[in-house]
Amino acid sequence: MLTEVDYLQANEKLVRLTAKAAEKISQLIDRENSGNYLRIRITGGGCNGLSYKMKFVEVGKAGDLFVESQGSGVLVDSKTALYLRGTTLDYSDQLVAGGFKFSNPNAKASCSCGESFNL
């Protein structure tokens, strides 16, 4: 479990999960058994210069921001938080164009797959 020294409390103004995204995250946590928290990072790369990375972790790193949204715990490092503010993470189980989708109000453009963007 995370302790207060491991993270800084943030709210859904940073990142918000839809009910469908939270449900899928819960299913994946149960299936993968590799951590109880979703860690979101933004790194260089992808079609438009920046891309989203997600993985499950057991604990956060010092200085991480912690958001509880729809009952799921999300960890974000302080650099990623600058680009993520106001983002909604949704999930679609559609056969075509399904999966996790980020809706980031800070992005000036994004690729058609929704996995990379630029500012």
PDB file of N, CA and C in Angstrom:
ATOM      1  N   MET A   1       0.840  -1.195   0.000  1.00  0.00           N
ATOM      2  CA  MET A   1       0.000   0.000   0.000  1.00  0.00           C
ATOM      3  C   MET A   1       0.874   1.242   0.000  1.00  0.00           C
ATOM      4  N   LEU A   2       0.359   2.291  -0.588  1.00  0.00           N
ATOM      5  CA  LEU A   2       1.055   3.570  -0.592  1.00  0.00           C
ATOM      6  C   LEU A   2       0.925   4.238   0.771  1.00  0.00           C
ATOM      7  N   THR A   3       1.917   5.007   1.129  1.00  0.00           N
ATOM      8  CA  THR A   3       1.834   5.811   2.337  1.00  0.00           C
ATOM      9  C   THR A   3       1.931   7.276   1.930  1.00  0.00           C
ATOM     10  N   GLU A   4       1.601   8.169   2.843  1.00  0.00           N
ATOM     11  CA  GLU A   4       1.582   9.586   2.513  1.00  0.00           C
ATOM     12  C   GLU A   4       2.936  10.113   2.072  1.00  0.00           C
ATOM     13  N   VAL A   5       4.028   9.531   2.529  1.00  0.00           N
ATOM     14  CA  VAL A   5       5.343   9.998   2.107  1.00  0.00           C
ATOM     15  C   VAL A   5       5.667   9.573   0.688  1.00  0.00           C
ATOM     16  N   ASP A   6       4.931   8.598   0.157  1.00  0.00           N
ATOM     17  CA  ASP A   6       5.196   8.106  -1.188  1.00  0.00           C
ATOM     18  C   ASP A   6       4.579   8.966  -2.284  1.00  0.00           C
ATOM     19  N   TYR A   7       3.567   9.736  -1.961  1.00  0.00           N
ATOM     20  CA  TYR A   7       2.879  10.477  -3.012  1.00  0.00           C
ATOM     21  C   TYR A   7       2.273  11.760  -2.479  1.00  0.00           C
ATOM     22  N   LEU A   8       1.917  12.613  -3.404  1.00  0.00           N
ATOM     23  CA  LEU A   8       1.181  13.839  -3.108  1.00  0.00           C
ATOM     24  C   LEU A   8      -0.242  13.627  -3.592  1.00  0.00           C
ATOM     25  N   GLN A   9      -1.205  14.002  -2.789  1.00  0.00           N
ATOM     26  CA  GLN A   9      -2.611  13.819  -3.157  1.00  0.00           C
ATOM     27  C   GLN A   9      -2.994  14.823  -4.246  1.00  0.00           C
ATOM     28  N   ALA A  10      -3.639  14.357  -5.291  1.00  0.00           N
ATOM     29  CA  ALA A  10      -4.163  15.208  -6.357  1.00  0.00           C
ATOM     30  C   ALA A  10      -5.634  14.836  -6.533  1.00  0.00           C
ATOM     31  N   ASN A  11      -6.309  15.492  -7.455  1.00  0.00           N
ATOM     32  CA  ASN A  11      -7.719  15.182  -7.675  1.00  0.00           C
ATOM     33  C   ASN A  11      -7.994  14.959  -9.157  1.00  0.00           C
ATOM     34  N   GLU A  12      -9.262  14.779  -9.478  1.00  0.00           N
ATOM     35  CA  GLU A  12      -9.634  14.451 -10.854  1.00  0.00           C
ATOM     36  C   GLU A  12      -9.464  15.624 -11.819  1.00  0.00           C
ATOM     37  N   LYS A  13      -9.038  16.784 -11.337  1.00  0.00           N
ATOM     38  CA  LYS A  13      -8.693  17.872 -12.253  1.00  0.00           C
ATOM     39  C   LYS A  13      -7.402  17.533 -12.998  1.00  0.00           C
ATOM     40  N   LEU A  14      -6.615  16.632 -12.443  1.00  0.00           N
ATOM     41  CA  LEU A  14      -5.399  16.181 -13.112  1.00  0.00           C
ATOM     42  C   LEU A  14      -5.743  15.129 -14.157  1.00  0.00           C
ATOM     43  N   VAL A  15      -6.354  14.048 -13.725  1.00  0.00           N
ATOM     44  CA  VAL A  15      -6.768  12.976 -14.633  1.00  0.00           C
ATOM     45  C   VAL A  15      -8.021  12.328 -14.057  1.00  0.00           C
ATOM     46  N   ARG A  16      -8.942  12.011 -14.951  1.00  0.00           N
ATOM     47  CA  ARG A  16     -10.214  11.411 -14.540  1.00  0.00           C
ATOM     48  C   ARG A  16     -10.443  10.159 -15.366  1.00  0.00           C
ATOM     49  N   LEU A  17     -10.894   9.100 -14.720  1.00  0.00           N
ATOM     50  CA  LEU A  17     -11.242   7.863 -15.410  1.00  0.00           C
ATOM     51  C   LEU A  17     -12.744   7.813 -15.618  1.00  0.00           C
ATOM     52  N   THR A  18     -13.160   7.315 -16.767  1.00  0.00           N
ATOM     53  CA  THR A  18     -14.576   7.045 -16.948  1.00  0.00           C
ATOM     54  C   THR A  18     -14.885   5.733 -16.229  1.00  0.00           C
ATOM     55  N   ALA A  19     -16.162   5.449 -16.047  1.00  0.00           N
ATOM     56  CA  ALA A  19     -16.566   4.199 -15.389  1.00  0.00           C
ATOM     57  C   ALA A  19     -16.061   2.990 -16.167  1.00  0.00           C
ATOM     58  N   LYS A  20     -16.115   3.048 -17.506  1.00  0.00           N
ATOM     59  CA  LYS A  20     -15.647   1.925 -18.332  1.00  0.00           C
ATOM     60  C   LYS A  20     -14.145   1.714 -18.189  1.00  0.00           C
ATOM     61  N   ALA A  21     -13.383   2.810 -18.130  1.00  0.00           N
ATOM     62  CA  ALA A  21     -11.931   2.694 -17.965  1.00  0.00           C
ATOM     63  C   ALA A  21     -11.608   2.099 -16.605  1.00  0.00           C
ATOM     64  N   ALA A  22     -12.280   2.565 -15.559  1.00  0.00           N
ATOM     65  CA  ALA A  22     -12.026   2.048 -14.212  1.00  0.00           C
ATOM     66  C   ALA A  22     -12.375   0.565 -14.124  1.00  0.00           C
ATOM     67  N   GLU A  23     -13.458   0.171 -14.761  1.00  0.00           N
ATOM     68  CA  GLU A  23     -13.860  -1.237 -14.754  1.00  0.00           C
ATOM     69  C   GLU A  23     -12.798  -2.096 -15.439  1.00  0.00           C
ATOM     70  N   LYS A  24     -12.299  -1.647 -16.594  1.00  0.00           N
ATOM     71  CA  LYS A  24     -11.281  -2.411 -17.320  1.00  0.00           C
ATOM     72  C   LYS A  24      -9.977  -2.448 -16.531  1.00  0.00           C
ATOM     73  N   ILE A  25      -9.606  -1.344 -15.905  1.00  0.00           N
ATOM     74  CA  ILE A  25      -8.390  -1.306 -15.090  1.00  0.00           C
ATOM     75  C   ILE A  25      -8.498  -2.315 -13.955  1.00  0.00           C
ATOM     76  N   SER A  26      -9.646  -2.371 -13.304  1.00  0.00           N
ATOM     77  CA  SER A  26      -9.866  -3.332 -12.218  1.00  0.00           C
ATOM     78  C   SER A  26      -9.723  -4.766 -12.723  1.00  0.00           C
ATOM     79  N   GLN A  27     -10.292  -5.047 -13.887  1.00  0.00           N
ATOM     80  CA  GLN A  27     -10.180  -6.384 -14.475  1.00  0.00           C
ATOM     81  C   GLN A  27      -8.725  -6.733 -14.779  1.00  0.00           C
ATOM     82  N   LEU A  28      -7.986  -5.763 -15.326  1.00  0.00           N
ATOM     83  CA  LEU A  28      -6.583  -6.004 -15.672  1.00  0.00           C
ATOM     84  C   LEU A  28      -5.715  -6.177 -14.434  1.00  0.00           C
ATOM     85  N   ILE A  29      -5.995  -5.417 -13.388  1.00  0.00           N
ATOM     86  CA  ILE A  29      -5.247  -5.573 -12.132  1.00  0.00           C
ATOM     87  C   ILE A  29      -5.446  -6.983 -11.588  1.00  0.00           C
ATOM     88  N   ASP A  30      -6.681  -7.461 -11.613  1.00  0.00           N
ATOM     89  CA  ASP A  30      -6.965  -8.817 -11.142  1.00  0.00           C
ATOM     90  C   ASP A  30      -6.265  -9.865 -12.012  1.00  0.00           C
ATOM     91  N   ARG A  31      -6.290  -9.668 -13.311  1.00  0.00           N
ATOM     92  CA  ARG A  31      -5.710 -10.642 -14.239  1.00  0.00           C
ATOM     93  C   ARG A  31      -4.186 -10.623 -14.228  1.00  0.00           C
ATOM     94  N   GLU A  32      -3.605  -9.426 -14.290  1.00  0.00           N
ATOM     95  CA  GLU A  32      -2.150  -9.295 -14.400  1.00  0.00           C
ATOM     96  C   GLU A  32      -1.430  -9.557 -13.087  1.00  0.00           C
ATOM     97  N   ASN A  33      -2.059  -9.201 -11.975  1.00  0.00           N
ATOM     98  CA  ASN A  33      -1.482  -9.383 -10.645  1.00  0.00           C
ATOM     99  C   ASN A  33      -0.060  -8.818 -10.549  1.00  0.00           C
ATOM    100  N   SER A  34       0.151  -7.613 -11.140  1.00  0.00           N
ATOM    101  CA  SER A  34       1.483  -7.005 -11.124  1.00  0.00           C
ATOM    102  C   SER A  34       1.508  -5.668 -10.396  1.00  0.00           C
ATOM    103  N   GLY A  35       0.396  -5.266  -9.811  1.00  0.00           N
ATOM    104  CA  GLY A  35       0.344  -4.021  -9.058  1.00  0.00           C
ATOM    105  C   GLY A  35      -1.083  -3.539  -8.936  1.00  0.00           C
ATOM    106  N   ASN A  36      -1.348  -2.755  -7.895  1.00  0.00           N
ATOM    107  CA  ASN A  36      -2.706  -2.291  -7.631  1.00  0.00           C
ATOM    108  C   ASN A  36      -2.986  -0.880  -8.115  1.00  0.00           C
ATOM    109  N   TYR A  37      -1.979  -0.238  -8.702  1.00  0.00           N
ATOM    110  CA  TYR A  37      -2.138   1.151  -9.134  1.00  0.00           C
ATOM    111  C   TYR A  37      -1.740   1.286 -10.595  1.00  0.00           C
ATOM    112  N   LEU A  38      -2.475   2.109 -11.319  1.00  0.00           N
ATOM    113  CA  LEU A  38      -2.139   2.412 -12.705  1.00  0.00           C
ATOM    114  C   LEU A  38      -1.189   3.602 -12.716  1.00  0.00           C
ATOM    115  N   ARG A  39      -0.035   3.434 -13.334  1.00  0.00           N
ATOM    116  CA  ARG A  39       0.931   4.522 -13.471  1.00  0.00           C
ATOM    117  C   ARG A  39       0.859   5.027 -14.904  1.00  0.00           C
ATOM    118  N   ILE A  40       0.629   6.324 -15.065  1.00  0.00           N
ATOM    119  CA  ILE A  40       0.574   6.948 -16.387  1.00  0.00           C
ATOM    120  C   ILE A  40       1.794   7.857 -16.532  1.00  0.00           C
ATOM    121  N   ARG A  41       2.504   7.704 -17.641  1.00  0.00           N
ATOM    122  CA  ARG A  41       3.649   8.556 -17.957  1.00  0.00           C
ATOM    123  C   ARG A  41       3.507   9.076 -19.379  1.00  0.00           C
ATOM    124  N   ILE A  42       4.100  10.213 -19.618  1.00  0.00           N
ATOM    125  CA  ILE A  42       4.209  10.746 -20.964  1.00  0.00           C
ATOM    126  C   ILE A  42       5.686  10.774 -21.298  1.00  0.00           C
ATOM    127  N   THR A  43       6.033  10.176 -22.440  1.00  0.00           N
ATOM    128  CA  THR A  43       7.421  10.115 -22.870  1.00  0.00           C
ATOM    129  C   THR A  43       7.542  10.646 -24.288  1.00  0.00           C
ATOM    130  N   GLY A  44       8.758  10.938 -24.696  1.00  0.00           N
ATOM    131  CA  GLY A  44       8.996  11.335 -26.077  1.00  0.00           C
ATOM    132  C   GLY A  44       8.807  10.139 -26.987  1.00  0.00           C
ATOM    133  N   GLY A  45       8.249  10.386 -28.172  1.00  0.00           N
ATOM    134  CA  GLY A  45       8.062   9.310 -29.138  1.00  0.00           C
ATOM    135  C   GLY A  45       6.677   9.332 -29.739  1.00  0.00           C
ATOM    136  N   GLY A  46       6.416   8.362 -30.580  1.00  0.00           N
ATOM    137  CA  GLY A  46       5.124   8.279 -31.247  1.00  0.00           C
ATOM    138  C   GLY A  46       5.079   9.156 -32.487  1.00  0.00           C
ATOM    139  N   CYS A  47       3.972   9.117 -33.187  1.00  0.00           N
ATOM    140  CA  CYS A  47       3.800   9.850 -34.440  1.00  0.00           C
ATOM    141  C   CYS A  47       3.892  11.367 -34.262  1.00  0.00           C
ATOM    142  N   ASN A  48       3.450  11.862 -33.108  1.00  0.00           N
ATOM    143  CA  ASN A  48       3.366  13.311 -32.903  1.00  0.00           C
ATOM    144  C   ASN A  48       4.345  13.862 -31.863  1.00  0.00           C
ATOM    145  N   GLY A  49       5.294  13.071 -31.423  1.00  0.00           N
ATOM    146  CA  GLY A  49       6.321  13.597 -30.533  1.00  0.00           C
ATOM    147  C   GLY A  49       6.218  13.187 -29.078  1.00  0.00           C
ATOM    148  N   LEU A  50       5.014  12.975 -28.552  1.00  0.00           N
ATOM    149  CA  LEU A  50       4.817  12.551 -27.168  1.00  0.00           C
ATOM    150  C   LEU A  50       3.858  11.370 -27.158  1.00  0.00           C
ATOM    151  N   SER A  51       4.094  10.422 -26.266  1.00  0.00           N
ATOM    152  CA  SER A  51       3.179   9.285 -26.200  1.00  0.00           C
ATOM    153  C   SER A  51       2.876   8.918 -24.754  1.00  0.00           C
ATOM    154  N   TYR A  52       1.736   8.292 -24.576  1.00  0.00           N
ATOM    155  CA  TYR A  52       1.269   7.849 -23.263  1.00  0.00           C
ATOM    156  C   TYR A  52       1.804   6.450 -22.981  1.00  0.00           C
ATOM    157  N   LYS A  53       2.234   6.223 -21.754  1.00  0.00           N
ATOM    158  CA  LYS A  53       2.665   4.898 -21.304  1.00  0.00           C
ATOM    159  C   LYS A  53       1.886   4.573 -20.040  1.00  0.00           C
ATOM    160  N   MET A  54       1.397   3.347 -19.953  1.00  0.00           N
ATOM    161  CA  MET A  54       0.663   2.911 -18.771  1.00  0.00           C
ATOM    162  C   MET A  54       1.208   1.566 -18.317  1.00  0.00           C
ATOM    163  N   LYS A  55       1.305   1.398 -17.004  1.00  0.00           N
ATOM    164  CA  LYS A  55       1.659   0.099 -16.442  1.00  0.00           C
ATOM    165  C   LYS A  55       1.128   0.040 -15.018  1.00  0.00           C
ATOM    166  N   PHE A  56       1.032  -1.180 -14.502  1.00  0.00           N
ATOM    167  CA  PHE A  56       0.577  -1.374 -13.135  1.00  0.00           C
ATOM    168  C   PHE A  56       1.788  -1.482 -12.221  1.00  0.00           C
ATOM    169  N   VAL A  57       1.695  -0.832 -11.053  1.00  0.00           N
ATOM    170  CA  VAL A  57       2.783  -0.843 -10.081  1.00  0.00           C
ATOM    171  C   VAL A  57       2.218  -1.097  -8.692  1.00  0.00           C
ATOM    172  N   GLU A  58       3.069  -1.598  -7.812  1.00  0.00           N
ATOM    173  CA  GLU A  58       2.685  -1.853  -6.413  1.00  0.00           C
ATOM    174  C   GLU A  58       2.762  -0.584  -5.570  1.00  0.00           C
ATOM    175  N   VAL A  59       3.801   0.226  -5.806  1.00  0.00           N
ATOM    176  CA  VAL A  59       4.011   1.436  -5.007  1.00  0.00           C
ATOM    177  C   VAL A  59       4.445   2.582  -5.913  1.00  0.00           C
ATOM    178  N   GLY A  60       4.217   3.794  -5.430  1.00  0.00           N
ATOM    179  CA  GLY A  60       4.633   4.970  -6.166  1.00  0.00           C
ATOM    180  C   GLY A  60       6.060   5.358  -5.837  1.00  0.00           C
ATOM    181  N   LYS A  61       6.547   6.341  -6.566  1.00  0.00           N
ATOM    182  CA  LYS A  61       7.874   6.894  -6.319  1.00  0.00           C
ATOM    183  C   LYS A  61       7.710   8.187  -5.538  1.00  0.00           C
ATOM    184  N   ALA A  62       8.743   8.576  -4.818  1.00  0.00           N
ATOM    185  CA  ALA A  62       8.699   9.825  -4.063  1.00  0.00           C
ATOM    186  C   ALA A  62       8.357  10.972  -5.009  1.00  0.00           C
ATOM    187  N   GLY A  63       7.412  11.815  -4.617  1.00  0.00           N
ATOM    188  CA  GLY A  63       7.007  12.950  -5.436  1.00  0.00           C
ATOM    189  C   GLY A  63       5.886  12.656  -6.413  1.00  0.00           C
ATOM    190  N   ASP A  64       5.472  11.388  -6.528  1.00  0.00           N
ATOM    191  CA  ASP A  64       4.345  11.056  -7.404  1.00  0.00           C
ATOM    192  C   ASP A  64       3.073  11.729  -6.913  1.00  0.00           C
ATOM    193  N   LEU A  65       2.198  11.993  -7.845  1.00  0.00           N
ATOM    194  CA  LEU A  65       0.865  12.483  -7.534  1.00  0.00           C
ATOM    195  C   LEU A  65      -0.086  11.297  -7.594  1.00  0.00           C
ATOM    196  N   PHE A  66      -0.983  11.211  -6.617  1.00  0.00           N
ATOM    197  CA  PHE A  66      -1.939  10.116  -6.543  1.00  0.00           C
ATOM    198  C   PHE A  66      -3.340  10.667  -6.723  1.00  0.00           C
ATOM    199  N   VAL A  67      -4.077  10.076  -7.657  1.00  0.00           N
ATOM    200  CA  VAL A  67      -5.469  10.450  -7.903  1.00  0.00           C
ATOM    201  C   VAL A  67      -6.321   9.205  -7.739  1.00  0.00           C
ATOM    202  N   GLU A  68      -7.393   9.325  -6.973  1.00  0.00           N
ATOM    203  CA  GLU A  68      -8.381   8.257  -6.922  1.00  0.00           C
ATOM    204  C   GLU A  68      -9.553   8.693  -7.774  1.00  0.00           C
ATOM    205  N   SER A  69      -9.860   7.879  -8.784  1.00  0.00           N
ATOM    206  CA  SER A  69     -10.944   8.197  -9.706  1.00  0.00           C
ATOM    207  C   SER A  69     -11.757   6.935  -9.965  1.00  0.00           C
ATOM    208  N   GLN A  70     -13.042   7.013  -9.762  1.00  0.00           N
ATOM    209  CA  GLN A  70     -13.941   5.871  -9.978  1.00  0.00           C
ATOM    210  C   GLN A  70     -13.474   4.645  -9.194  1.00  0.00           C
ATOM    211  N   GLY A  71     -12.857   4.857  -8.031  1.00  0.00           N
ATOM    212  CA  GLY A  71     -12.412   3.760  -7.196  1.00  0.00           C
ATOM    213  C   GLY A  71     -11.064   3.177  -7.573  1.00  0.00           C
ATOM    214  N   SER A  72     -10.426   3.698  -8.611  1.00  0.00           N
ATOM    215  CA  SER A  72      -9.109   3.216  -9.034  1.00  0.00           C
ATOM    216  C   SER A  72      -8.036   4.219  -8.649  1.00  0.00           C
ATOM    217  N   GLY A  73      -6.859   3.707  -8.280  1.00  0.00           N
ATOM    218  CA  GLY A  73      -5.734   4.557  -7.941  1.00  0.00           C
ATOM    219  C   GLY A  73      -4.841   4.784  -9.144  1.00  0.00           C
ATOM    220  N   VAL A  74      -4.551   6.061  -9.429  1.00  0.00           N
ATOM    221  CA  VAL A  74      -3.701   6.432 -10.556  1.00  0.00           C
ATOM    222  C   VAL A  74      -2.510   7.215 -10.023  1.00  0.00           C
ATOM    223  N   LEU A  75      -1.308   6.846 -10.473  1.00  0.00           N
ATOM    224  CA  LEU A  75      -0.081   7.537 -10.100  1.00  0.00           C
ATOM    225  C   LEU A  75       0.478   8.270 -11.315  1.00  0.00           C
ATOM    226  N   VAL A  76       0.942   9.506 -11.088  1.00  0.00           N
ATOM    227  CA  VAL A  76       1.488  10.340 -12.157  1.00  0.00           C
ATOM    228  C   VAL A  76       2.715  11.049 -11.610  1.00  0.00           C
ATOM    229  N   ASP A  77       3.821  11.025 -12.364  1.00  0.00           N
ATOM    230  CA  ASP A  77       4.995  11.779 -11.915  1.00  0.00           C
ATOM    231  C   ASP A  77       4.776  13.268 -12.196  1.00  0.00           C
ATOM    232  N   SER A  78       5.539  14.118 -11.533  1.00  0.00           N
ATOM    233  CA  SER A  78       5.296  15.566 -11.601  1.00  0.00           C
ATOM    234  C   SER A  78       5.512  16.137 -13.001  1.00  0.00           C
ATOM    235  N   LYS A  79       6.443  15.589 -13.778  1.00  0.00           N
ATOM    236  CA  LYS A  79       6.666  16.075 -15.146  1.00  0.00           C
ATOM    237  C   LYS A  79       5.467  15.736 -16.041  1.00  0.00           C
ATOM    238  N   THR A  80       4.986  14.508 -15.933  1.00  0.00           N
ATOM    239  CA  THR A  80       3.815  14.090 -16.714  1.00  0.00           C
ATOM    240  C   THR A  80       2.596  14.924 -16.348  1.00  0.00           C
ATOM    241  N   ALA A  81       2.469  15.275 -15.080  1.00  0.00           N
ATOM    242  CA  ALA A  81       1.309  16.044 -14.618  1.00  0.00           C
ATOM    243  C   ALA A  81       1.168  17.362 -15.369  1.00  0.00           C
ATOM    244  N   LEU A  82       2.285  17.958 -15.778  1.00  0.00           N
ATOM    245  CA  LEU A  82       2.238  19.221 -16.519  1.00  0.00           C
ATOM    246  C   LEU A  82       1.498  19.072 -17.839  1.00  0.00           C
ATOM    247  N   TYR A  83       1.627  17.914 -18.486  1.00  0.00           N
ATOM    248  CA  TYR A  83       1.007  17.663 -19.785  1.00  0.00           C
ATOM    249  C   TYR A  83      -0.363  17.005 -19.678  1.00  0.00           C
ATOM    250  N   LEU A  84      -0.643  16.406 -18.524  1.00  0.00           N
ATOM    251  CA  LEU A  84      -1.842  15.587 -18.375  1.00  0.00           C
ATOM    252  C   LEU A  84      -3.048  16.342 -17.823  1.00  0.00           C
ATOM    253  N   ARG A  85      -2.837  17.474 -17.196  1.00  0.00           N
ATOM    254  CA  ARG A  85      -3.898  18.197 -16.480  1.00  0.00           C
ATOM    255  C   ARG A  85      -5.185  18.306 -17.305  1.00  0.00           C
ATOM    256  N   GLY A  86      -6.284  17.815 -16.707  1.00  0.00           N
ATOM    257  CA  GLY A  86      -7.592  17.898 -17.353  1.00  0.00           C
ATOM    258  C   GLY A  86      -7.916  16.726 -18.261  1.00  0.00           C
ATOM    259  N   THR A  87      -7.068  15.721 -18.292  1.00  0.00           N
ATOM    260  CA  THR A  87      -7.241  14.582 -19.201  1.00  0.00           C
ATOM    261  C   THR A  87      -8.269  13.585 -18.665  1.00  0.00           C
ATOM    262  N   THR A  88      -9.029  13.021 -19.578  1.00  0.00           N
ATOM    263  CA  THR A  88      -9.958  11.936 -19.259  1.00  0.00           C
ATOM    264  C   THR A  88      -9.465  10.675 -19.956  1.00  0.00           C
ATOM    265  N   LEU A  89      -9.444   9.572 -19.211  1.00  0.00           N
ATOM    266  CA  LEU A  89      -9.078   8.276 -19.777  1.00  0.00           C
ATOM    267  C   LEU A  89     -10.336   7.437 -19.882  1.00  0.00           C
ATOM    268  N   ASP A  90     -10.641   7.007 -21.098  1.00  0.00           N
ATOM    269  CA  ASP A  90     -11.832   6.207 -21.366  1.00  0.00           C
ATOM    270  C   ASP A  90     -11.392   4.850 -21.900  1.00  0.00           C
ATOM    271  N   TYR A  91     -12.324   3.924 -21.963  1.00  0.00           N
ATOM    272  CA  TYR A  91     -12.059   2.608 -22.532  1.00  0.00           C
ATOM    273  C   TYR A  91     -13.233   2.211 -23.407  1.00  0.00           C
ATOM    274  N   SER A  92     -12.899   1.617 -24.551  1.00  0.00           N
ATOM    275  CA  SER A  92     -13.924   1.103 -25.451  1.00  0.00           C
ATOM    276  C   SER A  92     -13.579  -0.333 -25.799  1.00  0.00           C
ATOM    277  N   ASP A  93     -14.573  -1.211 -25.792  1.00  0.00           N
ATOM    278  CA  ASP A  93     -14.322  -2.597 -26.163  1.00  0.00           C
ATOM    279  C   ASP A  93     -14.714  -2.877 -27.612  1.00  0.00           C
ATOM    280  N   GLN A  94     -14.810  -1.819 -28.409  1.00  0.00           N
ATOM    281  CA  GLN A  94     -15.108  -1.967 -29.837  1.00  0.00           C
ATOM    282  C   GLN A  94     -13.998  -2.759 -30.522  1.00  0.00           C
ATOM    283  N   LEU A  95     -14.368  -3.559 -31.487  1.00  0.00           N
ATOM    284  CA  LEU A  95     -13.397  -4.371 -32.213  1.00  0.00           C
ATOM    285  C   LEU A  95     -12.440  -3.483 -33.010  1.00  0.00           C
ATOM    286  N   VAL A  96     -12.962  -2.435 -33.618  1.00  0.00           N
ATOM    287  CA  VAL A  96     -12.148  -1.484 -34.366  1.00  0.00           C
ATOM    288  C   VAL A  96     -12.024  -0.212 -33.538  1.00  0.00           C
ATOM    289  N   ALA A  97     -10.813   0.269 -33.365  1.00  0.00           N
ATOM    290  CA  ALA A  97     -10.514   1.490 -32.608  1.00  0.00           C
ATOM    291  C   ALA A  97     -10.885   1.374 -31.131  1.00  0.00           C
ATOM    292  N   GLY A  98     -10.850   0.159 -30.596  1.00  0.00           N
ATOM    293  CA  GLY A  98     -11.127  -0.044 -29.184  1.00  0.00           C
ATOM    294  C   GLY A  98      -9.876   0.136 -28.345  1.00  0.00           C
ATOM    295  N   GLY A  99     -10.027   0.014 -27.051  1.00  0.00           N
ATOM    296  CA  GLY A  99      -8.913   0.138 -26.126  1.00  0.00           C
ATOM    297  C   GLY A  99      -9.018   1.411 -25.307  1.00  0.00           C
ATOM    298  N   PHE A 100      -7.939   1.747 -24.607  1.00  0.00           N
ATOM    299  CA  PHE A 100      -7.907   2.960 -23.804  1.00  0.00           C
ATOM    300  C   PHE A 100      -7.706   4.172 -24.703  1.00  0.00           C
ATOM    301  N   LYS A 101      -8.425   5.233 -24.403  1.00  0.00           N
ATOM    302  CA  LYS A 101      -8.325   6.472 -25.181  1.00  0.00           C
ATOM    303  C   LYS A 101      -8.163   7.645 -24.226  1.00  0.00           C
ATOM    304  N   PHE A 102      -7.146   8.455 -24.497  1.00  0.00           N
ATOM    305  CA  PHE A 102      -6.906   9.670 -23.725  1.00  0.00           C
ATOM    306  C   PHE A 102      -7.565  10.843 -24.416  1.00  0.00           C
ATOM    307  N   SER A 103      -8.294  11.629 -23.669  1.00  0.00           N
ATOM    308  CA  SER A 103      -8.857  12.887 -24.163  1.00  0.00           C
ATOM    309  C   SER A 103      -8.152  13.999 -23.386  1.00  0.00           C
ATOM    310  N   ASN A 104      -7.127  14.580 -24.021  1.00  0.00           N
ATOM    311  CA  ASN A 104      -6.252  15.542 -23.365  1.00  0.00           C
ATOM    312  C   ASN A 104      -6.511  16.939 -23.921  1.00  0.00           C
ATOM    313  N   PRO A 105      -7.041  17.856 -23.105  1.00  0.00           N
ATOM    314  CA  PRO A 105      -7.342  19.205 -23.592  1.00  0.00           C
ATOM    315  C   PRO A 105      -6.089  20.027 -23.897  1.00  0.00           C
ATOM    316  N   ASN A 106      -4.915  19.570 -23.469  1.00  0.00           N
ATOM    317  CA  ASN A 106      -3.669  20.291 -23.720  1.00  0.00           C
ATOM    318  C   ASN A 106      -3.053  19.955 -25.067  1.00  0.00           C
ATOM    319  N   ALA A 107      -3.497  18.865 -25.687  1.00  0.00           N
ATOM    320  CA  ALA A 107      -2.925  18.416 -26.955  1.00  0.00           C
ATOM    321  C   ALA A 107      -3.393  19.307 -28.100  1.00  0.00           C
ATOM    322  N   LYS A 108      -2.452  19.756 -28.894  1.00  0.00           N
ATOM    323  CA  LYS A 108      -2.772  20.558 -30.086  1.00  0.00           C
ATOM    324  C   LYS A 108      -3.155  19.647 -31.244  1.00  0.00           C
ATOM    325  N   ALA A 109      -2.542  18.473 -31.289  1.00  0.00           N
ATOM    326  CA  ALA A 109      -2.835  17.491 -32.336  1.00  0.00           C
ATOM    327  C   ALA A 109      -2.532  16.109 -31.782  1.00  0.00           C
ATOM    328  N   SER A 110      -3.214  15.114 -32.309  1.00  0.00           N
ATOM    329  CA  SER A 110      -2.927  13.742 -31.924  1.00  0.00           C
ATOM    330  C   SER A 110      -3.055  12.853 -33.143  1.00  0.00           C
ATOM    331  N   CYS A 111      -2.441  11.692 -33.074  1.00  0.00           N
ATOM    332  CA  CYS A 111      -2.518  10.768 -34.203  1.00  0.00           C
ATOM    333  C   CYS A 111      -3.867  10.048 -34.165  1.00  0.00           C
ATOM    334  N   SER A 112      -4.175   9.377 -35.222  1.00  0.00           N
ATOM    335  CA  SER A 112      -5.475   8.707 -35.315  1.00  0.00           C
ATOM    336  C   SER A 112      -5.629   7.577 -34.318  1.00  0.00           C
ATOM    337  N   CYS A 113      -4.519   6.977 -33.886  1.00  0.00           N
ATOM    338  CA  CYS A 113      -4.620   5.884 -32.915  1.00  0.00           C
ATOM    339  C   CYS A 113      -4.844   6.424 -31.503  1.00  0.00           C
ATOM    340  N   GLY A 114      -4.592   7.721 -31.287  1.00  0.00           N
ATOM    341  CA  GLY A 114      -4.826   8.334 -29.981  1.00  0.00           C
ATOM    342  C   GLY A 114      -3.739   8.042 -28.963  1.00  0.00           C
ATOM    343  N   GLU A 115      -2.645   7.443 -29.401  1.00  0.00           N
ATOM    344  CA  GLU A 115      -1.569   7.078 -28.472  1.00  0.00           C
ATOM    345  C   GLU A 115      -0.441   8.098 -28.443  1.00  0.00           C
ATOM    346  N   SER A 116      -0.432   9.054 -29.362  1.00  0.00           N
ATOM    347  CA  SER A 116       0.591  10.088 -29.312  1.00  0.00           C
ATOM    348  C   SER A 116      -0.031  11.443 -29.634  1.00  0.00           C
ATOM    349  N   PHE A 117       0.661  12.496 -29.213  1.00  0.00           N
ATOM    350  CA  PHE A 117       0.127  13.847 -29.373  1.00  0.00           C
ATOM    351  C   PHE A 117       1.279  14.843 -29.344  1.00  0.00           C
ATOM    352  N   ASN A 118       0.962  16.103 -29.651  1.00  0.00           N
ATOM    353  CA  ASN A 118       1.941  17.173 -29.459  1.00  0.00           C
ATOM    354  C   ASN A 118       1.259  18.359 -28.839  1.00  0.00           C
ATOM    355  N   LEU A 119       2.078  19.257 -28.312  1.00  0.00           N
ATOM    356  CA  LEU A 119       1.562  20.445 -27.621  1.00  0.00           C
ATOM    357  C   LEU A 119       1.822  21.676 -28.436  1.00  0.00           C
TER     358      LEU A 119
END
